[in-house]
Amino acid sequence: MRVLSMMEAAGVATRIATTNTAAKLAAGLLLKGDRKLTELIAQCDPRQDNSVAVVWGGTTPTQGASAIGLVLDPGDSVRVVGEFNCETFQHISSEAGLAGVIQLIPGY
């Protein structure tokens, strides 16, 4: 059983397709009105076949066998807490040419 909880008000869930280039979250996800993103739940879409790599804190994720980043296989999820961690959250496809999908639930 997987139990995930949010301490803040949940925003609208969104899906992001990963690419071969590391990317941060769009500015529109970092703010909701005057409230900043303070936590998020990220899940690698279980209906997809490809993994994604995620990081936060200023490191840039990379691909391949010696990649940098937390690899999320389909169905895996992670909760990221803290304004700085959310602002620096980045994602990438874990293997070159194999796009994955992250589902995000933001908390403001």
N, C-alpha and C. Protein backbone atom coordinates (compact mmCIF):
# COMPACT_ATOMS: atom_id res chain seq x y z
N MET A 1 0.84 -1.17 0.00
CA MET A 1 0.00 0.00 0.00
C MET A 1 0.89 1.24 0.00
N ARG A 2 0.53 2.22 -0.82
CA ARG A 2 1.27 3.48 -0.90
C ARG A 2 0.45 4.56 -0.24
N VAL A 3 1.06 5.28 0.69
CA VAL A 3 0.38 6.38 1.39
C VAL A 3 1.18 7.65 1.16
N LEU A 4 0.55 8.63 0.54
CA LEU A 4 1.17 9.94 0.32
C LEU A 4 0.23 10.99 0.88
N SER A 5 0.79 11.97 1.55
CA SER A 5 -0.05 13.02 2.10
C SER A 5 0.53 14.38 1.76
N MET A 6 -0.35 15.36 1.72
CA MET A 6 0.05 16.74 1.48
C MET A 6 -0.35 17.58 2.66
N MET A 7 0.57 18.44 3.08
CA MET A 7 0.29 19.34 4.19
C MET A 7 -0.36 20.63 3.70
N GLU A 8 -0.13 20.99 2.46
CA GLU A 8 -0.64 22.24 1.91
C GLU A 8 -1.85 21.97 1.02
N ALA A 9 -2.50 23.04 0.56
CA ALA A 9 -3.63 22.91 -0.35
C ALA A 9 -3.15 22.40 -1.69
N ALA A 10 -3.74 21.32 -2.17
CA ALA A 10 -3.34 20.74 -3.44
C ALA A 10 -3.81 21.60 -4.60
N GLY A 11 -2.93 21.73 -5.59
CA GLY A 11 -3.27 22.44 -6.81
C GLY A 11 -3.76 21.44 -7.86
N VAL A 12 -3.90 21.89 -9.07
CA VAL A 12 -4.37 21.06 -10.17
C VAL A 12 -3.26 20.11 -10.61
N ALA A 13 -3.56 18.83 -10.67
CA ALA A 13 -2.58 17.85 -11.13
C ALA A 13 -2.24 18.11 -12.59
N THR A 14 -1.01 17.80 -12.95
CA THR A 14 -0.55 18.02 -14.32
C THR A 14 0.36 16.89 -14.76
N ARG A 15 0.48 16.70 -16.06
CA ARG A 15 1.35 15.68 -16.64
C ARG A 15 2.43 16.38 -17.45
N ILE A 16 3.66 15.87 -17.32
CA ILE A 16 4.79 16.45 -18.04
C ILE A 16 5.53 15.32 -18.74
N ALA A 17 5.69 15.45 -20.05
CA ALA A 17 6.50 14.48 -20.80
C ALA A 17 7.96 14.88 -20.67
N THR A 18 8.81 13.91 -20.32
CA THR A 18 10.24 14.20 -20.18
C THR A 18 10.92 14.06 -21.54
N THR A 19 12.08 14.69 -21.65
CA THR A 19 12.86 14.66 -22.89
C THR A 19 14.31 14.32 -22.56
N ASN A 20 15.18 14.45 -23.54
CA ASN A 20 16.61 14.21 -23.34
C ASN A 20 17.33 15.40 -22.72
N THR A 21 16.59 16.46 -22.43
CA THR A 21 17.16 17.67 -21.85
C THR A 21 16.56 17.89 -20.46
N ALA A 22 17.41 18.11 -19.48
CA ALA A 22 16.92 18.39 -18.12
C ALA A 22 16.07 19.65 -18.14
N ALA A 23 14.96 19.62 -17.41
CA ALA A 23 14.05 20.76 -17.38
C ALA A 23 13.54 21.00 -15.97
N LYS A 24 13.35 22.27 -15.65
CA LYS A 24 12.74 22.67 -14.39
C LYS A 24 11.23 22.76 -14.59
N LEU A 25 10.51 22.96 -13.52
CA LEU A 25 9.07 23.14 -13.61
C LEU A 25 8.75 24.49 -14.22
N ALA A 26 7.66 24.56 -14.96
CA ALA A 26 7.21 25.81 -15.58
C ALA A 26 6.87 26.83 -14.50
N ALA A 27 7.10 28.08 -14.81
CA ALA A 27 6.83 29.17 -13.87
C ALA A 27 5.39 29.14 -13.37
N GLY A 28 4.46 28.73 -14.22
CA GLY A 28 3.05 28.66 -13.84
C GLY A 28 2.76 27.64 -12.75
N LEU A 29 3.64 26.66 -12.58
CA LEU A 29 3.47 25.68 -11.50
C LEU A 29 4.07 26.16 -10.20
N LEU A 30 5.03 27.07 -10.27
CA LEU A 30 5.72 27.53 -9.08
C LEU A 30 4.91 28.53 -8.26
N LEU A 31 3.90 29.14 -8.89
CA LEU A 31 3.04 30.12 -8.21
C LEU A 31 1.58 29.83 -8.49
N LYS A 32 0.76 30.00 -7.47
CA LYS A 32 -0.70 29.94 -7.62
C LYS A 32 -1.23 31.18 -6.94
N GLY A 33 -1.55 32.20 -7.75
CA GLY A 33 -1.89 33.49 -7.17
C GLY A 33 -0.65 34.07 -6.51
N ASP A 34 -0.75 34.33 -5.21
CA ASP A 34 0.42 34.85 -4.49
C ASP A 34 1.08 33.76 -3.63
N ARG A 35 0.64 32.51 -3.79
CA ARG A 35 1.19 31.40 -3.00
C ARG A 35 2.25 30.65 -3.80
N LYS A 36 3.40 30.41 -3.17
CA LYS A 36 4.48 29.68 -3.81
C LYS A 36 4.33 28.18 -3.59
N LEU A 37 4.85 27.44 -4.54
CA LEU A 37 4.87 25.98 -4.44
C LEU A 37 5.79 25.58 -3.29
N THR A 38 5.26 24.82 -2.33
CA THR A 38 6.05 24.42 -1.17
C THR A 38 6.22 22.92 -1.04
N GLU A 39 5.46 22.16 -1.81
CA GLU A 39 5.64 20.71 -1.85
C GLU A 39 5.00 20.16 -3.12
N LEU A 40 5.45 18.99 -3.50
CA LEU A 40 4.85 18.34 -4.65
C LEU A 40 5.01 16.83 -4.53
N ILE A 41 4.09 16.14 -5.14
CA ILE A 41 4.19 14.69 -5.29
C ILE A 41 4.40 14.45 -6.78
N ALA A 42 5.47 13.72 -7.10
CA ALA A 42 5.77 13.40 -8.49
C ALA A 42 5.71 11.88 -8.66
N GLN A 43 4.96 11.43 -9.65
CA GLN A 43 4.86 10.01 -9.94
C GLN A 43 5.21 9.75 -11.39
N CYS A 44 6.03 8.73 -11.62
CA CYS A 44 6.28 8.29 -12.99
C CYS A 44 5.03 7.52 -13.42
N ASP A 45 4.41 7.97 -14.47
CA ASP A 45 3.11 7.43 -14.90
C ASP A 45 3.17 5.90 -15.04
N PRO A 46 2.35 5.18 -14.27
CA PRO A 46 2.38 3.72 -14.32
C PRO A 46 1.83 3.14 -15.62
N ARG A 47 1.19 3.97 -16.43
CA ARG A 47 0.65 3.49 -17.71
C ARG A 47 1.67 3.60 -18.84
N GLN A 48 2.84 4.13 -18.51
CA GLN A 48 3.92 4.28 -19.49
C GLN A 48 4.99 3.22 -19.25
N ASP A 49 5.90 3.05 -20.18
CA ASP A 49 6.94 2.02 -20.06
C ASP A 49 8.30 2.57 -19.67
N ASN A 50 8.49 3.89 -19.71
CA ASN A 50 9.83 4.45 -19.54
C ASN A 50 10.01 5.16 -18.21
N SER A 51 11.23 5.06 -17.68
CA SER A 51 11.59 5.68 -16.41
C SER A 51 11.99 7.13 -16.62
N VAL A 52 11.98 7.87 -15.52
CA VAL A 52 12.42 9.26 -15.51
C VAL A 52 13.43 9.42 -14.37
N ALA A 53 14.26 10.45 -14.47
CA ALA A 53 15.19 10.79 -13.38
C ALA A 53 14.84 12.18 -12.89
N VAL A 54 14.85 12.35 -11.57
CA VAL A 54 14.53 13.64 -10.97
C VAL A 54 15.59 14.00 -9.94
N VAL A 55 15.78 15.30 -9.75
CA VAL A 55 16.68 15.82 -8.72
C VAL A 55 16.11 17.14 -8.21
N TRP A 56 16.63 17.60 -7.10
CA TRP A 56 16.32 18.93 -6.59
C TRP A 56 17.50 19.38 -5.76
N GLY A 57 17.58 20.66 -5.50
CA GLY A 57 18.67 21.18 -4.70
C GLY A 57 19.79 21.80 -5.51
N GLY A 58 19.65 21.86 -6.82
CA GLY A 58 20.66 22.52 -7.64
C GLY A 58 21.45 21.61 -8.57
N THR A 59 21.37 20.30 -8.37
CA THR A 59 22.05 19.36 -9.25
C THR A 59 21.26 19.21 -10.54
N THR A 60 21.94 18.96 -11.65
CA THR A 60 21.27 18.73 -12.93
C THR A 60 21.24 17.23 -13.20
N PRO A 61 20.07 16.66 -13.50
CA PRO A 61 20.00 15.23 -13.77
C PRO A 61 20.63 14.88 -15.12
N THR A 62 21.14 13.66 -15.21
CA THR A 62 21.72 13.17 -16.46
C THR A 62 21.15 11.80 -16.79
N GLN A 63 21.49 11.29 -17.97
CA GLN A 63 20.95 10.02 -18.45
C GLN A 63 22.02 8.92 -18.48
N GLY A 64 21.55 7.69 -18.63
CA GLY A 64 22.44 6.57 -18.87
C GLY A 64 22.79 5.77 -17.64
N ALA A 65 23.73 4.83 -17.81
CA ALA A 65 24.10 3.88 -16.77
C ALA A 65 24.69 4.54 -15.54
N SER A 66 25.42 5.64 -15.70
CA SER A 66 26.01 6.33 -14.55
C SER A 66 25.33 7.68 -14.35
N ALA A 67 24.03 7.70 -14.54
CA ALA A 67 23.25 8.93 -14.47
C ALA A 67 23.21 9.50 -13.06
N ILE A 68 22.99 10.81 -13.01
CA ILE A 68 22.77 11.50 -11.75
C ILE A 68 21.27 11.75 -11.63
N GLY A 69 20.72 11.39 -10.50
CA GLY A 69 19.30 11.61 -10.26
C GLY A 69 18.64 10.40 -9.66
N LEU A 70 17.51 10.63 -9.04
CA LEU A 70 16.69 9.57 -8.48
C LEU A 70 15.85 9.01 -9.62
N VAL A 71 16.05 7.75 -9.97
CA VAL A 71 15.31 7.15 -11.07
C VAL A 71 13.96 6.65 -10.56
N LEU A 72 12.91 7.13 -11.21
CA LEU A 72 11.57 6.67 -10.90
C LEU A 72 11.11 5.77 -12.04
N ASP A 73 10.87 4.51 -11.71
CA ASP A 73 10.30 3.59 -12.69
C ASP A 73 8.80 3.81 -12.72
N PRO A 74 8.11 3.34 -13.78
CA PRO A 74 6.66 3.52 -13.83
C PRO A 74 5.97 3.04 -12.55
N GLY A 75 5.18 3.93 -11.96
CA GLY A 75 4.48 3.65 -10.72
C GLY A 75 5.19 4.17 -9.47
N ASP A 76 6.48 4.47 -9.58
CA ASP A 76 7.22 5.03 -8.43
C ASP A 76 6.83 6.49 -8.22
N SER A 77 6.90 6.92 -6.98
CA SER A 77 6.59 8.32 -6.68
C SER A 77 7.54 8.85 -5.61
N VAL A 78 7.60 10.17 -5.54
CA VAL A 78 8.43 10.84 -4.55
C VAL A 78 7.70 12.10 -4.11
N ARG A 79 7.85 12.45 -2.83
CA ARG A 79 7.29 13.69 -2.30
C ARG A 79 8.44 14.64 -2.04
N VAL A 80 8.36 15.83 -2.59
CA VAL A 80 9.40 16.86 -2.43
C VAL A 80 8.81 17.97 -1.57
N VAL A 81 9.52 18.33 -0.50
CA VAL A 81 9.02 19.32 0.45
C VAL A 81 10.01 20.48 0.54
N GLY A 82 9.48 21.69 0.57
CA GLY A 82 10.30 22.88 0.72
C GLY A 82 10.30 23.73 -0.53
N GLU A 83 10.16 25.04 -0.33
CA GLU A 83 10.10 25.97 -1.46
C GLU A 83 11.34 25.87 -2.34
N PHE A 84 12.53 25.85 -1.73
CA PHE A 84 13.77 25.76 -2.50
C PHE A 84 13.83 24.44 -3.28
N ASN A 85 13.47 23.35 -2.64
CA ASN A 85 13.51 22.05 -3.32
C ASN A 85 12.55 22.01 -4.50
N CYS A 86 11.37 22.61 -4.34
CA CYS A 86 10.40 22.64 -5.45
C CYS A 86 10.90 23.53 -6.59
N GLU A 87 11.48 24.69 -6.25
CA GLU A 87 11.99 25.60 -7.28
C GLU A 87 13.13 24.99 -8.07
N THR A 88 13.92 24.12 -7.44
CA THR A 88 15.08 23.53 -8.11
C THR A 88 14.81 22.13 -8.65
N PHE A 89 13.58 21.64 -8.52
CA PHE A 89 13.21 20.32 -9.02
C PHE A 89 13.42 20.26 -10.54
N GLN A 90 14.11 19.24 -11.01
CA GLN A 90 14.33 19.04 -12.45
C GLN A 90 14.06 17.59 -12.82
N HIS A 91 13.73 17.37 -14.07
CA HIS A 91 13.42 16.04 -14.56
C HIS A 91 14.04 15.81 -15.93
N ILE A 92 14.23 14.54 -16.28
CA ILE A 92 14.80 14.15 -17.57
C ILE A 92 14.40 12.70 -17.83
N SER A 93 14.34 12.29 -19.07
CA SER A 93 14.16 10.88 -19.39
C SER A 93 15.40 10.14 -18.90
N SER A 94 15.22 9.00 -18.26
CA SER A 94 16.39 8.31 -17.70
C SER A 94 17.25 7.66 -18.77
N GLU A 95 16.67 7.35 -19.91
CA GLU A 95 17.43 6.79 -21.03
C GLU A 95 17.20 7.65 -22.27
N ALA A 96 18.27 7.92 -22.99
CA ALA A 96 18.18 8.77 -24.19
C ALA A 96 17.17 8.21 -25.19
N GLY A 97 16.31 9.08 -25.67
CA GLY A 97 15.35 8.72 -26.69
C GLY A 97 14.10 8.02 -26.19
N LEU A 98 14.00 7.77 -24.89
CA LEU A 98 12.84 7.08 -24.32
C LEU A 98 12.10 8.01 -23.37
N ALA A 99 11.18 8.78 -23.93
CA ALA A 99 10.44 9.76 -23.14
C ALA A 99 9.58 9.09 -22.08
N GLY A 100 9.57 9.67 -20.90
CA GLY A 100 8.69 9.21 -19.82
C GLY A 100 7.66 10.29 -19.52
N VAL A 101 6.78 10.00 -18.59
CA VAL A 101 5.77 10.97 -18.19
C VAL A 101 5.73 11.06 -16.67
N ILE A 102 5.77 12.28 -16.16
CA ILE A 102 5.64 12.52 -14.72
C ILE A 102 4.27 13.14 -14.49
N GLN A 103 3.58 12.62 -13.49
CA GLN A 103 2.35 13.24 -13.04
C GLN A 103 2.68 14.00 -11.75
N LEU A 104 2.28 15.25 -11.68
CA LEU A 104 2.61 16.10 -10.53
C LEU A 104 1.34 16.58 -9.83
N ILE A 105 1.38 16.54 -8.51
CA ILE A 105 0.34 17.18 -7.69
C ILE A 105 1.07 18.24 -6.87
N PRO A 106 0.84 19.52 -7.18
CA PRO A 106 1.51 20.59 -6.45
C PRO A 106 0.78 20.95 -5.16
N GLY A 107 1.53 21.43 -4.20
CA GLY A 107 0.94 21.92 -2.95
C GLY A 107 1.41 23.35 -2.69
N TYR A 108 0.45 24.24 -2.38
CA TYR A 108 0.76 25.66 -2.21
C TYR A 108 0.44 26.12 -0.80
